[in-house]
Protein backbone atom coordinates (compact mmCIF):
# COMPACT_ATOMS: atom_id res chain seq x y z
CA MET A 1 39.31 -3.78 58.76
CA GLU A 2 39.86 -0.02 58.75
CA LEU A 3 36.86 2.22 58.03
CA LEU A 4 37.82 5.39 56.17
CA THR A 5 35.29 8.00 55.08
CA VAL A 6 36.02 9.48 51.65
CA THR A 7 33.95 12.34 50.27
CA ASP A 8 36.14 13.46 47.34
CA ALA A 9 35.69 11.53 44.09
CA ASP A 10 39.21 12.59 43.04
CA ASP A 11 40.83 10.92 46.06
CA ARG A 12 43.68 8.77 44.68
CA ARG A 13 42.90 5.99 47.14
CA LEU A 14 39.86 5.19 44.97
CA ASP A 15 41.85 4.77 41.74
CA ASP A 16 41.22 1.01 41.55
CA TYR A 17 37.53 1.79 41.03
CA ARG A 18 37.72 4.46 38.34
CA ALA A 19 35.84 4.16 35.06
CA LEU A 20 34.59 0.61 35.55
CA THR A 21 31.93 0.90 32.83
CA ASP A 22 31.97 -1.92 30.29
CA THR A 23 32.79 0.57 27.52
CA ALA A 24 35.95 1.67 29.30
CA LEU A 25 37.03 -1.87 30.18
CA ARG A 26 36.01 -3.79 27.08
CA ALA A 27 39.55 -4.19 25.76
CA VAL A 28 41.51 -4.49 29.00
CA GLN A 29 41.67 -6.55 32.15
CA ASP A 30 40.13 -4.68 35.06
CA PRO A 31 41.99 -3.09 36.63
CA ALA A 32 45.69 -3.47 35.82
CA GLY A 33 48.28 -4.75 38.26
CA GLY A 34 47.04 -8.24 39.07
CA LEU A 35 43.66 -7.12 40.39
CA TYR A 36 40.03 -7.79 39.60
CA ILE A 37 36.76 -6.20 40.71
CA ALA A 38 34.10 -8.02 42.75
CA GLU A 39 30.65 -6.48 43.14
CA SER A 40 28.05 -7.05 45.88
CA THR A 41 28.43 -8.53 49.34
CA LYS A 42 27.45 -12.01 48.10
CA VAL A 43 30.17 -12.08 45.44
CA ILE A 44 32.80 -10.60 47.76
CA ALA A 45 31.90 -13.14 50.44
CA ARG A 46 32.35 -16.03 48.00
CA ALA A 47 35.71 -14.63 46.90
CA VAL A 48 36.93 -14.31 50.49
CA VAL A 49 35.74 -17.82 51.38
CA ALA A 50 37.69 -19.09 48.35
CA GLY A 51 40.83 -17.53 49.81
CA HIS A 52 41.04 -14.43 47.63
CA ARG A 53 42.40 -11.32 49.33
CA PRO A 54 40.83 -7.88 48.97
CA ARG A 55 43.20 -4.96 48.48
CA SER A 56 40.45 -2.51 49.44
CA VAL A 57 36.68 -2.18 49.58
CA LEU A 58 34.48 0.70 48.44
CA VAL A 59 31.18 0.69 50.31
CA GLN A 60 28.17 2.91 50.75
CA GLU A 61 27.06 3.71 54.30
CA ARG A 62 24.01 1.43 54.17
CA ARG A 63 26.24 -1.61 53.50
CA VAL A 64 28.90 -1.10 56.17
CA ASP A 65 27.50 -3.73 58.54
CA ASP A 66 27.23 -6.24 55.69
CA ILE A 67 30.85 -5.81 54.65
CA ARG A 68 32.03 -5.87 58.26
CA ALA A 69 30.62 -9.38 58.57
CA ILE A 70 32.70 -10.45 55.56
CA VAL A 71 36.07 -8.71 55.96
CA GLY A 72 35.96 -7.54 59.56
CA ASP A 73 38.92 -9.72 60.59
CA LEU A 74 41.09 -8.82 57.59
CA GLU A 75 43.63 -6.04 57.39
CA VAL A 76 42.01 -4.12 54.57
CA PRO A 77 41.00 -0.46 54.10
CA VAL A 78 37.26 0.02 53.65
CA TYR A 79 36.38 3.31 51.98
CA VAL A 80 32.92 4.52 53.01
CA VAL A 81 31.58 6.90 50.35
CA PRO A 82 28.33 8.77 49.59
CA ASP A 83 26.26 7.37 46.71
CA GLU A 84 27.19 10.26 44.42
CA VAL A 85 30.91 9.68 45.00
CA ALA A 86 30.59 5.97 44.22
CA GLU A 87 28.82 6.77 40.95
CA ALA A 88 31.27 9.53 40.00
CA VAL A 89 34.27 7.23 40.54
CA THR A 90 32.96 4.03 38.92
CA GLY A 91 30.89 5.55 36.15
CA PHE A 92 27.65 3.78 37.06
CA ALA A 93 25.09 3.63 39.85
CA VAL A 94 26.39 1.15 42.42
CA HIS A 95 23.04 -0.40 43.24
CA ARG A 96 24.52 -3.25 45.30
CA GLY A 97 26.37 -0.77 47.46
CA THR A 98 29.70 -2.61 47.69
CA ILE A 99 32.70 -3.14 45.40
CA ALA A 100 36.03 -4.72 46.26
CA SER A 101 39.39 -4.54 44.54
CA MET A 102 40.76 -8.08 44.82
CA HIS A 103 44.24 -9.53 44.30
CA ARG A 104 44.29 -12.08 41.50
CA PRO A 105 45.38 -15.50 42.76
CA GLU A 106 48.00 -17.50 40.90
CA LEU A 107 46.31 -19.96 38.57
CA PRO A 108 46.96 -23.67 39.13
CA SER A 109 48.08 -26.06 36.39
CA VAL A 110 45.64 -28.11 34.31
CA ARG A 111 46.82 -31.25 36.09
CA GLN A 112 46.08 -29.72 39.48
CA VAL A 113 42.60 -28.57 38.46
CA ILE A 114 41.48 -31.88 36.95
CA ALA A 115 42.94 -34.10 39.69
CA GLY A 116 40.06 -36.07 41.16
CA ALA A 117 37.51 -34.56 38.76
CA THR A 118 35.06 -36.65 36.77
CA LEU A 119 33.27 -33.91 34.81
CA VAL A 120 35.12 -30.94 33.29
CA LEU A 121 33.81 -28.08 31.17
CA ILE A 122 36.17 -26.56 28.59
CA LEU A 123 35.45 -23.12 27.11
CA GLU A 124 37.35 -22.48 23.89
CA ASN A 125 37.63 -18.87 22.71
CA ILE A 126 34.41 -17.72 24.38
CA GLY A 127 34.73 -13.96 23.92
CA ASP A 128 31.56 -12.73 25.58
CA HIS A 129 32.00 -12.14 29.32
CA THR A 130 28.30 -12.69 29.97
CA ASN A 131 28.46 -16.13 28.38
CA VAL A 132 31.56 -17.02 30.39
CA GLY A 133 29.85 -16.03 33.64
CA ALA A 134 26.68 -17.93 32.72
CA ALA A 135 28.70 -21.02 31.78
CA PHE A 136 30.47 -20.94 35.16
CA ARG A 137 27.11 -20.66 36.91
CA ALA A 138 25.89 -23.71 34.98
CA ALA A 139 29.09 -25.56 35.85
CA ALA A 140 28.62 -24.84 39.55
CA GLY A 141 24.94 -25.72 39.57
CA LEU A 142 25.07 -28.81 37.37
CA GLY A 143 27.95 -30.78 38.76
CA ALA A 144 31.11 -29.81 36.87
CA ASP A 145 34.19 -30.35 38.99
CA ALA A 146 36.39 -27.93 37.05
CA VAL A 147 36.49 -25.49 34.14
CA LEU A 148 39.32 -25.00 31.66
CA VAL A 149 39.53 -21.80 29.61
CA SER A 150 41.47 -21.44 26.35
CA PRO A 151 44.19 -18.79 25.99
CA GLY A 152 42.01 -16.63 23.72
CA GLY A 153 38.90 -16.74 25.88
CA ALA A 154 37.39 -13.93 27.93
CA ASP A 155 38.55 -13.43 31.50
CA PRO A 156 36.39 -15.24 34.10
CA LEU A 157 37.44 -12.59 36.64
CA TYR A 158 36.27 -9.70 34.46
CA ARG A 159 33.65 -7.65 36.31
CA ARG A 160 30.71 -8.76 34.16
CA SER A 161 31.74 -12.42 34.21
CA VAL A 162 31.96 -12.43 38.00
CA ARG A 163 28.62 -10.67 38.34
CA VAL A 164 26.73 -12.92 35.91
CA SER A 165 28.22 -16.02 37.53
CA MET A 166 26.92 -14.85 40.92
CA GLY A 167 30.41 -15.45 42.27
CA THR A 168 30.55 -19.10 41.19
CA VAL A 169 33.85 -18.35 39.40
CA PHE A 170 35.28 -18.61 42.92
CA GLN A 171 33.42 -21.82 43.65
CA VAL A 172 34.47 -24.00 40.70
CA PRO A 173 38.19 -24.75 40.30
CA TRP A 174 39.45 -23.38 36.97
CA THR A 175 42.55 -22.41 35.05
CA ARG A 176 43.72 -21.40 31.60
CA MET A 177 45.17 -23.96 29.23
CA ALA A 178 48.55 -23.11 27.74
CA ASP A 179 47.67 -24.87 24.48
CA TRP A 180 45.47 -27.69 23.23
CA GLY A 181 48.28 -30.21 22.86
CA SER A 182 49.40 -30.18 26.47
CA ALA A 183 45.86 -29.86 27.84
CA ALA A 184 44.60 -32.83 25.80
CA ALA A 185 47.61 -34.87 26.90
CA ASP A 186 46.91 -34.09 30.56
CA LEU A 187 43.23 -34.94 30.16
CA HIS A 188 43.94 -38.23 28.39
CA ALA A 189 46.60 -39.15 30.94
CA ALA A 190 43.97 -38.68 33.65
CA GLY A 191 41.53 -40.94 31.82
CA PHE A 192 39.17 -38.33 30.38
CA ASP A 193 37.10 -38.78 27.25
CA ILE A 194 37.12 -35.41 25.46
CA ALA A 195 33.69 -34.73 23.96
CA ALA A 196 33.52 -31.80 21.54
CA LEU A 197 30.09 -30.20 21.05
CA ALA A 198 29.90 -29.46 17.32
CA LEU A 199 27.67 -29.70 14.26
CA ARG A 200 29.04 -32.59 12.21
CA ASP A 201 27.36 -35.29 10.18
CA ASP A 202 29.19 -38.00 12.11
CA ALA A 203 28.42 -36.52 15.54
CA VAL A 204 26.82 -38.67 18.23
CA THR A 205 23.64 -37.24 19.74
CA LEU A 206 23.97 -35.99 23.30
CA ASP A 207 21.39 -38.40 24.67
CA ALA A 208 23.17 -41.38 23.07
CA TYR A 209 26.51 -40.24 24.48
CA ALA A 210 25.02 -39.65 27.92
CA ALA A 211 23.50 -43.14 27.98
CA VAL A 212 26.97 -44.71 27.88
CA ARG A 213 29.01 -41.82 29.28
CA PRO A 214 32.58 -42.65 30.25
CA GLU A 215 33.63 -42.39 33.87
CA ARG A 216 35.50 -39.14 33.25
CA VAL A 217 34.23 -36.62 30.69
CA ALA A 218 35.53 -33.27 29.43
CA LEU A 219 32.87 -31.33 27.50
CA VAL A 220 34.26 -28.76 25.04
CA MET A 221 32.21 -25.69 24.04
CA GLY A 222 33.20 -23.41 21.16
CA SER A 223 32.99 -19.70 20.47
CA GLU A 224 29.72 -17.91 19.83
CA GLY A 225 30.37 -17.27 16.14
CA ASP A 226 32.81 -19.81 14.74
CA GLY A 227 32.24 -22.75 17.05
CA LEU A 228 35.12 -25.06 17.92
CA SER A 229 38.48 -24.81 16.20
CA ARG A 230 39.78 -27.65 14.06
CA THR A 231 42.46 -28.25 16.70
CA ALA A 232 39.83 -28.71 19.41
CA ILE A 233 37.81 -31.13 17.31
CA ASP A 234 40.93 -33.10 16.31
CA SER A 235 41.89 -33.33 20.00
CA ALA A 236 38.51 -34.81 20.92
CA ASP A 237 37.69 -38.48 21.29
CA THR A 238 34.03 -37.96 20.43
CA VAL A 239 32.03 -35.29 18.60
CA VAL A 240 28.63 -34.73 20.19
CA THR A 241 25.64 -32.70 19.05
CA ILE A 242 22.46 -31.52 20.76
CA PRO A 243 19.48 -32.50 18.54
CA MET A 244 17.54 -29.36 17.58
CA SER A 245 14.17 -28.63 16.00
CA GLY A 246 12.20 -25.66 14.73
CA GLY A 247 14.83 -24.71 12.18
CA VAL A 248 17.30 -23.77 14.94
CA ASP A 249 20.78 -25.23 14.45
CA SER A 250 22.35 -24.44 17.81
CA LEU A 251 21.97 -22.91 21.27
CA ASN A 252 23.72 -20.04 22.97
CA VAL A 253 26.99 -21.46 24.32
CA ALA A 254 26.01 -21.01 27.98
CA SER A 255 22.65 -22.70 27.34
CA ALA A 256 24.37 -25.53 25.50
CA ALA A 257 26.78 -25.97 28.39
CA ALA A 258 23.87 -26.22 30.83
CA VAL A 259 22.06 -28.81 28.70
CA ALA A 260 25.20 -30.88 28.21
CA LEU A 261 26.18 -30.77 31.87
CA TRP A 262 22.67 -31.71 32.99
CA SER A 263 22.66 -34.69 30.61
CA MET A 264 25.83 -35.99 32.27
CA GLN A 265 24.12 -36.37 35.65
CA ARG A 266 24.24 -39.97 36.82
């Protein structure tokens, strides 16, 4: 790696890191040009181990040794900046001391991602980046082999998603589905039972489904407001519900994903 001290917040070499506040990035991928932002040495390390390549790193002096241990053998510029420059460029206090601009890898096909998997989590139209990150963390911690994301869903490589997931978006194989028809066909061809989590009178309770779970299961979670689309439910082999009490009809989608994944443990 190449250590370069930068003391001017207007230095163009830092452009990948400008205005990274959630307000500025809410409606766009961050940043443009096939890149994403990874924060903290732990997250950057997981990205590098997964084979992702940093384009550059912005680091505060106190974290130089940490980042050297992660990217020391890579040909990558490492911009060492004072705390006030880091905050002026990004728009927030960089408490973790390290941010990397990473090249986005090419996404694999659905068939490639589910090959050999027995438990898959599908996120349909999940718009909240925090929920996406939390769902990936649940997938990593509770045995999912892969995650599929619908075309309209939030970006798992968005800064907040990566941070909330604690870098597990690099740990669990995932890709975006092109459409429900082809994804369902690929899942069925691979022997998956597609289980849609939804509130329906004819739904099977999660504990009953788990008691006789098929060998290969794809759990489908819907959006925070509207739930699953009619297309998703029609593509499913089984509709499953989590029994609730206390006048509560449903859980946050990330919580529901964690409960459903845990129940699938053999």
